[in-house]
PDB file of N, CA and C in Angstrom:
ATOM      1  N   MET A   1     152.616-114.995-114.181  1.00  0.00           N
ATOM      2  CA  MET A   1     152.872-114.462-112.862  1.00  0.00           C
ATOM      3  C   MET A   1     152.888-115.601-111.869  1.00  0.00           C
ATOM      4  N   LYS A   2     153.943-115.672-111.095  1.00  0.00           N
ATOM      5  CA  LYS A   2     154.062-116.704-110.085  1.00  0.00           C
ATOM      6  C   LYS A   2     153.234-116.316-108.865  1.00  0.00           C
ATOM      7  N   SER A   3     152.472-117.252-108.380  1.00  0.00           N
ATOM      8  CA  SER A   3     151.666-116.951-107.207  1.00  0.00           C
ATOM      9  C   SER A   3     152.022-117.898-106.077  1.00  0.00           C
ATOM     10  N   SER A   4     151.821-117.407-104.887  1.00  0.00           N
ATOM     11  CA  SER A   4     152.025-118.244-103.716  1.00  0.00           C
ATOM     12  C   SER A   4     150.689-118.401-103.025  1.00  0.00           C
ATOM     13  N   ARG A   5     150.575-119.396-102.240  1.00  0.00           N
ATOM     14  CA  ARG A   5     149.320-119.631-101.537  1.00  0.00           C
ATOM     15  C   ARG A   5     149.357-118.892-100.205  1.00  0.00           C
ATOM     16  N   THR A   6     148.282-118.166 -99.956  1.00  0.00           N
ATOM     17  CA  THR A   6     148.139-117.443 -98.711  1.00  0.00           C
ATOM     18  C   THR A   6     146.753-117.730 -98.161  1.00  0.00           C
ATOM     19  N   THR A   7     146.697-117.894 -96.876  1.00  0.00           N
ATOM     20  CA  THR A   7     145.414-118.141 -96.229  1.00  0.00           C
ATOM     21  C   THR A   7     144.987-116.887 -95.493  1.00  0.00           C
ATOM     22  N   ILE A   8     143.717-116.520 -95.651  1.00  0.00           N
ATOM     23  CA  ILE A   8     143.173-115.402 -94.893  1.00  0.00           C
ATOM     24  C   ILE A   8     141.926-115.886 -94.169  1.00  0.00           C
ATOM     25  N   ALA A   9     141.699-115.329 -93.000  1.00  0.00           N
ATOM     26  CA  ALA A   9     140.546-115.726 -92.203  1.00  0.00           C
ATOM     27  C   ALA A   9     139.351-114.845 -92.570  1.00  0.00           C
ATOM     28  N   VAL A  10     138.278-115.482 -92.997  1.00  0.00           N
ATOM     29  CA  VAL A  10     137.029-114.778 -93.284  1.00  0.00           C
ATOM     30  C   VAL A  10     135.891-115.604 -92.696  1.00  0.00           C
ATOM     31  N   SER A  11     134.791-114.928 -92.449  1.00  0.00           N
ATOM     32  CA  SER A  11     133.626-115.642 -91.930  1.00  0.00           C
ATOM     33  C   SER A  11     133.061-116.556 -93.016  1.00  0.00           C
ATOM     34  N   GLU A  12     132.261-117.506 -92.598  1.00  0.00           N
ATOM     35  CA  GLU A  12     131.623-118.415 -93.553  1.00  0.00           C
ATOM     36  C   GLU A  12     130.732-117.631 -94.512  1.00  0.00           C
ATOM     37  N   GLU A  13     130.077-116.582 -94.000  1.00  0.00           N
ATOM     38  CA  GLU A  13     129.213-115.739 -94.829  1.00  0.00           C
ATOM     39  C   GLU A  13     130.011-115.057 -95.942  1.00  0.00           C
ATOM     40  N   VAL A  14     131.173-114.521 -95.606  1.00  0.00           N
ATOM     41  CA  VAL A  14     132.025-113.861 -96.611  1.00  0.00           C
ATOM     42  C   VAL A  14     132.531-114.892 -97.615  1.00  0.00           C
ATOM     43  N   LYS A  15     132.919-116.045 -97.123  1.00  0.00           N
ATOM     44  CA  LYS A  15     133.400-117.112 -98.014  1.00  0.00           C
ATOM     45  C   LYS A  15     132.327-117.485 -99.035  1.00  0.00           C
ATOM     46  N   LEU A  16     131.083-117.641 -98.572  1.00  0.00           N
ATOM     47  CA  LEU A  16     129.989-117.983 -99.488  1.00  0.00           C
ATOM     48  C   LEU A  16     129.728-116.857-100.481  1.00  0.00           C
ATOM     49  N   SER A  17     129.803-115.612-100.014  1.00  0.00           N
ATOM     50  CA  SER A  17     129.612-114.468-100.913  1.00  0.00           C
ATOM     51  C   SER A  17     130.681-114.443-101.991  1.00  0.00           C
ATOM     52  N   LEU A  18     131.922-114.712-101.604  1.00  0.00           N
ATOM     53  CA  LEU A  18     133.021-114.749-102.578  1.00  0.00           C
ATOM     54  C   LEU A  18     132.826-115.876-103.581  1.00  0.00           C
ATOM     55  N   MET A  19     132.357-117.024-103.107  1.00  0.00           N
ATOM     56  CA  MET A  19     132.102-118.148-104.017  1.00  0.00           C
ATOM     57  C   MET A  19     131.014-117.780-105.027  1.00  0.00           C
ATOM     58  N   ARG A  20     129.950-117.127-104.561  1.00  0.00           N
ATOM     59  CA  ARG A  20     128.876-116.718-105.464  1.00  0.00           C
ATOM     60  C   ARG A  20     129.388-115.725-106.502  1.00  0.00           C
ATOM     61  N   LEU A  21     130.171-114.749-106.039  1.00  0.00           N
ATOM     62  CA  LEU A  21     130.732-113.764-106.967  1.00  0.00           C
ATOM     63  C   LEU A  21     131.650-114.432-107.991  1.00  0.00           C
ATOM     64  N   LYS A  22     132.435-115.384-107.539  1.00  0.00           N
ATOM     65  CA  LYS A  22     133.345-116.096-108.437  1.00  0.00           C
ATOM     66  C   LYS A  22     132.554-116.784-109.546  1.00  0.00           C
ATOM     67  N   ILE A  23     131.445-117.388-109.183  1.00  0.00           N
ATOM     68  CA  ILE A  23     130.597-118.059-110.174  1.00  0.00           C
ATOM     69  C   ILE A  23     129.927-117.031-111.090  1.00  0.00           C
ATOM     70  N   GLU A  24     129.368-115.970-110.501  1.00  0.00           N
ATOM     71  CA  GLU A  24     128.703-114.930-111.290  1.00  0.00           C
ATOM     72  C   GLU A  24     129.644-114.275-112.286  1.00  0.00           C
ATOM     73  N   GLU A  25     130.866-114.012-111.851  1.00  0.00           N
ATOM     74  CA  GLU A  25     131.845-113.342-112.710  1.00  0.00           C
ATOM     75  C   GLU A  25     132.536-114.299-113.677  1.00  0.00           C
ATOM     76  N   ARG A  26     132.269-115.577-113.517  1.00  0.00           N
ATOM     77  CA  ARG A  26     132.848-116.608-114.377  1.00  0.00           C
ATOM     78  C   ARG A  26     134.379-116.537-114.419  1.00  0.00           C
ATOM     79  N   VAL A  27     134.964-116.403-113.240  1.00  0.00           N
ATOM     80  CA  VAL A  27     136.422-116.413-113.149  1.00  0.00           C
ATOM     81  C   VAL A  27     136.867-117.762-112.590  1.00  0.00           C
ATOM     82  N   LYS A  28     138.086-118.135-112.906  1.00  0.00           N
ATOM     83  CA  LYS A  28     138.584-119.456-112.509  1.00  0.00           C
ATOM     84  C   LYS A  28     139.141-119.478-111.097  1.00  0.00           C
ATOM     85  N   THR A  29     139.716-118.365-110.666  1.00  0.00           N
ATOM     86  CA  THR A  29     140.392-118.367-109.364  1.00  0.00           C
ATOM     87  C   THR A  29     139.928-117.202-108.496  1.00  0.00           C
ATOM     88  N   PHE A  30     140.145-117.355-107.199  1.00  0.00           N
ATOM     89  CA  PHE A  30     139.856-116.258-106.293  1.00  0.00           C
ATOM     90  C   PHE A  30     140.813-115.100-106.543  1.00  0.00           C
ATOM     91  N   ASP A  31     142.018-115.413-106.966  1.00  0.00           N
ATOM     92  CA  ASP A  31     142.989-114.367-107.286  1.00  0.00           C
ATOM     93  C   ASP A  31     142.432-113.456-108.381  1.00  0.00           C
ATOM     94  N   GLU A  32     141.888-114.062-109.416  1.00  0.00           N
ATOM     95  CA  GLU A  32     141.304-113.288-110.518  1.00  0.00           C
ATOM     96  C   GLU A  32     140.110-112.462-110.028  1.00  0.00           C
ATOM     97  N   LEU A  33     139.268-113.064-109.190  1.00  0.00           N
ATOM     98  CA  LEU A  33     138.120-112.353-108.639  1.00  0.00           C
ATOM     99  C   LEU A  33     138.578-111.154-107.807  1.00  0.00           C
ATOM    100  N   LEU A  34     139.548-111.377-106.929  1.00  0.00           N
ATOM    101  CA  LEU A  34     140.028-110.290-106.071  1.00  0.00           C
ATOM    102  C   LEU A  34     140.690-109.184-106.884  1.00  0.00           C
ATOM    103  N   ARG A  35     141.403-109.542-107.936  1.00  0.00           N
ATOM    104  CA  ARG A  35     141.993-108.524-108.810  1.00  0.00           C
ATOM    105  C   ARG A  35     140.915-107.650-109.445  1.00  0.00           C
ATOM    106  N   LYS A  36     139.841-108.293-109.918  1.00  0.00           N
ATOM    107  CA  LYS A  36     138.732-107.536-110.512  1.00  0.00           C
ATOM    108  C   LYS A  36     138.086-106.626-109.471  1.00  0.00           C
ATOM    109  N   MET A  37     137.959-107.126-108.247  1.00  0.00           N
ATOM    110  CA  MET A  37     137.360-106.341-107.174  1.00  0.00           C
ATOM    111  C   MET A  37     138.237-105.140-106.825  1.00  0.00           C
ATOM    112  N   ILE A  38     139.546-105.329-106.833  1.00  0.00           N
ATOM    113  CA  ILE A  38     140.476-104.235-106.536  1.00  0.00           C
ATOM    114  C   ILE A  38     140.384-103.159-107.613  1.00  0.00           C
ATOM    115  N   VAL A  39     140.332-103.569-108.871  1.00  0.00           N
ATOM    116  CA  VAL A  39     140.197-102.607-109.976  1.00  0.00           C
ATOM    117  C   VAL A  39     138.896-101.826-109.832  1.00  0.00           C
ATOM    118  N   ALA A  40     137.801-102.531-109.536  1.00  0.00           N
ATOM    119  CA  ALA A  40     136.508-101.872-109.375  1.00  0.00           C
ATOM    120  C   ALA A  40     136.535-100.887-108.204  1.00  0.00           C
ATOM    121  N   TYR A  41     137.194-101.265-107.115  1.00  0.00           N
ATOM    122  CA  TYR A  41     137.296-100.383-105.947  1.00  0.00           C
ATOM    123  C   TYR A  41     138.091 -99.123-106.287  1.00  0.00           C
ATOM    124  N   ARG A  42     139.211 -99.304-106.962  1.00  0.00           N
ATOM    125  CA  ARG A  42     140.032 -98.147-107.341  1.00  0.00           C
ATOM    126  C   ARG A  42     139.280 -97.219-108.290  1.00  0.00           C
ATOM    127  N   LYS A  43     138.532 -97.792-109.217  1.00  0.00           N
ATOM    128  CA  LYS A  43     137.734 -96.992-110.144  1.00  0.00           C
ATOM    129  C   LYS A  43     136.678 -96.197-109.379  1.00  0.00           C
ATOM    130  N   MET A  44     136.019 -96.848-108.424  1.00  0.00           N
ATOM    131  CA  MET A  44     135.005 -96.181-107.616  1.00  0.00           C
ATOM    132  C   MET A  44     135.614 -95.012-106.840  1.00  0.00           C
ATOM    133  N   LYS A  45     136.779 -95.227-106.230  1.00  0.00           N
ATOM    134  CA  LYS A  45     137.436 -94.157-105.464  1.00  0.00           C
ATOM    135  C   LYS A  45     137.839 -93.004-106.378  1.00  0.00           C
ATOM    136  N   PHE A  46     138.335 -93.304-107.586  1.00  0.00           N
ATOM    137  CA  PHE A  46     138.702 -92.273-108.543  1.00  0.00           C
ATOM    138  C   PHE A  46     137.481 -91.450-108.939  1.00  0.00           C
ATOM    139  N   LEU A  47     136.368 -92.132-109.225  1.00  0.00           N
ATOM    140  CA  LEU A  47     135.148 -91.431-109.619  1.00  0.00           C
ATOM    141  C   LEU A  47     134.609 -90.567-108.482  1.00  0.00           C
ATOM    142  N   GLU A  48     134.714 -91.043-107.242  1.00  0.00           N
ATOM    143  CA  GLU A  48     134.298 -90.243-106.085  1.00  0.00           C
ATOM    144  C   GLU A  48     135.141 -88.978-105.967  1.00  0.00           C
ATOM    145  N   ALA A  49     136.456 -89.112-106.124  1.00  0.00           N
ATOM    146  CA  ALA A  49     137.351 -87.957-106.042  1.00  0.00           C
ATOM    147  C   ALA A  49     137.070 -86.984-107.180  1.00  0.00           C
ATOM    148  N   SER A  50     136.808 -87.519-108.360  1.00  0.00           N
ATOM    149  CA  SER A  50     136.496 -86.680-109.510  1.00  0.00           C
ATOM    150  C   SER A  50     135.212 -85.893-109.267  1.00  0.00           C
ATOM    151  N   LYS A  51     134.220 -86.546-108.693  1.00  0.00           N
ATOM    152  CA  LYS A  51     132.957 -85.875-108.394  1.00  0.00           C
ATOM    153  C   LYS A  51     133.164 -84.746-107.390  1.00  0.00           C
ATOM    154  N   ARG A  52     133.956 -85.012-106.334  1.00  0.00           N
ATOM    155  CA  ARG A  52     134.242 -83.966-105.333  1.00  0.00           C
ATOM    156  C   ARG A  52     134.985 -82.798-105.976  1.00  0.00           C
ATOM    157  N   PHE A  53     135.926 -83.099-106.870  1.00  0.00           N
ATOM    158  CA  PHE A  53     136.690 -82.066-107.557  1.00  0.00           C
ATOM    159  C   PHE A  53     135.768 -81.186-108.403  1.00  0.00           C
ATOM    160  N   ARG A  54     134.865 -81.828-109.161  1.00  0.00           N
ATOM    161  CA  ARG A  54     133.921 -81.067-109.996  1.00  0.00           C
ATOM    162  C   ARG A  54     133.002 -80.207-109.135  1.00  0.00           C
ATOM    163  N   GLU A  55     132.577 -80.734-107.991  1.00  0.00           N
ATOM    164  CA  GLU A  55     131.718 -79.959-107.085  1.00  0.00           C
ATOM    165  C   GLU A  55     132.459 -78.727-106.553  1.00  0.00           C
ATOM    166  N   LYS A  56     133.724 -78.902-106.178  1.00  0.00           N
ATOM    167  CA  LYS A  56     134.525 -77.769-105.688  1.00  0.00           C
ATOM    168  C   LYS A  56     134.726 -76.735-106.781  1.00  0.00           C
ATOM    169  N   MET A  57     134.967 -77.196-108.001  1.00  0.00           N
ATOM    170  CA  MET A  57     135.118 -76.274-109.128  1.00  0.00           C
ATOM    171  C   MET A  57     133.832 -75.468-109.320  1.00  0.00           C
ATOM    172  N   LYS A  58     132.701 -76.150-109.249  1.00  0.00           N
ATOM    173  CA  LYS A  58     131.419 -75.483-109.428  1.00  0.00           C
ATOM    174  C   LYS A  58     131.189 -74.455-108.320  1.00  0.00           C
ATOM    175  N   GLU A  59     131.519 -74.814-107.067  1.00  0.00           N
ATOM    176  CA  GLU A  59     131.379 -73.894-105.935  1.00  0.00           C
ATOM    177  C   GLU A  59     132.191 -72.620-106.155  1.00  0.00           C
ATOM    178  N   LYS A  60     133.366 -72.768-106.747  1.00  0.00           N
ATOM    179  CA  LYS A  60     134.261 -71.635-106.953  1.00  0.00           C
ATOM    180  C   LYS A  60     134.008 -70.936-108.287  1.00  0.00           C
ATOM    181  N   GLY A  61     133.069 -71.468-109.055  1.00  0.00           N
ATOM    182  CA  GLY A  61     132.738 -70.853-110.339  1.00  0.00           C
ATOM    183  C   GLY A  61     133.815 -71.046-111.389  1.00  0.00           C
ATOM    184  N   ILE A  62     134.532 -72.132-111.299  1.00  0.00           N
ATOM    185  CA  ILE A  62     135.607 -72.407-112.258  1.00  0.00           C
ATOM    186  C   ILE A  62     135.114 -73.454-113.240  1.00  0.00           C
ATOM    187  N   GLY A  63     135.293 -73.181-114.518  1.00  0.00           N
ATOM    188  CA  GLY A  63     134.908 -74.117-115.563  1.00  0.00           C
ATOM    189  C   GLY A  63     136.122 -74.861-116.087  1.00  0.00           C
ATOM    190  N   LEU A  64     135.869 -75.935-116.790  1.00  0.00           N
ATOM    191  CA  LEU A  64     136.940 -76.746-117.350  1.00  0.00           C
ATOM    192  C   LEU A  64     137.795 -75.928-118.319  1.00  0.00           C
ATOM    193  N   GLU A  65     137.161 -75.063-119.077  1.00  0.00           N
ATOM    194  CA  GLU A  65     137.895 -74.243-120.042  1.00  0.00           C
ATOM    195  C   GLU A  65     138.947 -73.392-119.341  1.00  0.00           C
ATOM    196  N   GLU A  66     138.569 -72.844-118.177  1.00  0.00           N
ATOM    197  CA  GLU A  66     139.519 -72.014-117.425  1.00  0.00           C
ATOM    198  C   GLU A  66     140.724 -72.804-116.956  1.00  0.00           C
ATOM    199  N   LEU A  67     140.509 -74.039-116.563  1.00  0.00           N
ATOM    200  CA  LEU A  67     141.618 -74.885-116.120  1.00  0.00           C
ATOM    201  C   LEU A  67     142.548 -75.208-117.290  1.00  0.00           C
ATOM    202  N   LEU A  68     141.974 -75.462-118.448  1.00  0.00           N
ATOM    203  CA  LEU A  68     142.774 -75.862-119.598  1.00  0.00           C
ATOM    204  C   LEU A  68     143.551 -74.700-120.190  1.00  0.00           C
ATOM    205  N   ASN A  69     143.072 -73.483-120.007  1.00  0.00           N
ATOM    206  CA  ASN A  69     143.725 -72.305-120.587  1.00  0.00           C
ATOM    207  C   ASN A  69     144.819 -71.745-119.703  1.00  0.00           C
ATOM    208  N   GLU A  70     144.954 -72.215-118.504  1.00  0.00           N
ATOM    209  CA  GLU A  70     145.979 -71.651-117.601  1.00  0.00           C
ATOM    210  C   GLU A  70     147.298 -72.318-117.743  1.00  0.00           C
TER     211      GLU A  70
END
């Protein structure tokens, strides 16, 4: 994948946090770190939506079996 260089403005505190995460995650580039962070964020949002969906199903008294049989 071809990449281009882009500069973004972040505080020194955020920059240091990103550097620490990069080291902790043992990734070579910030691009790789940010990609992992994006995947984790999307997974978190999906799980939140799934939880809300299950709660609504429970409120309405609908079970998974009923959804699959329709």
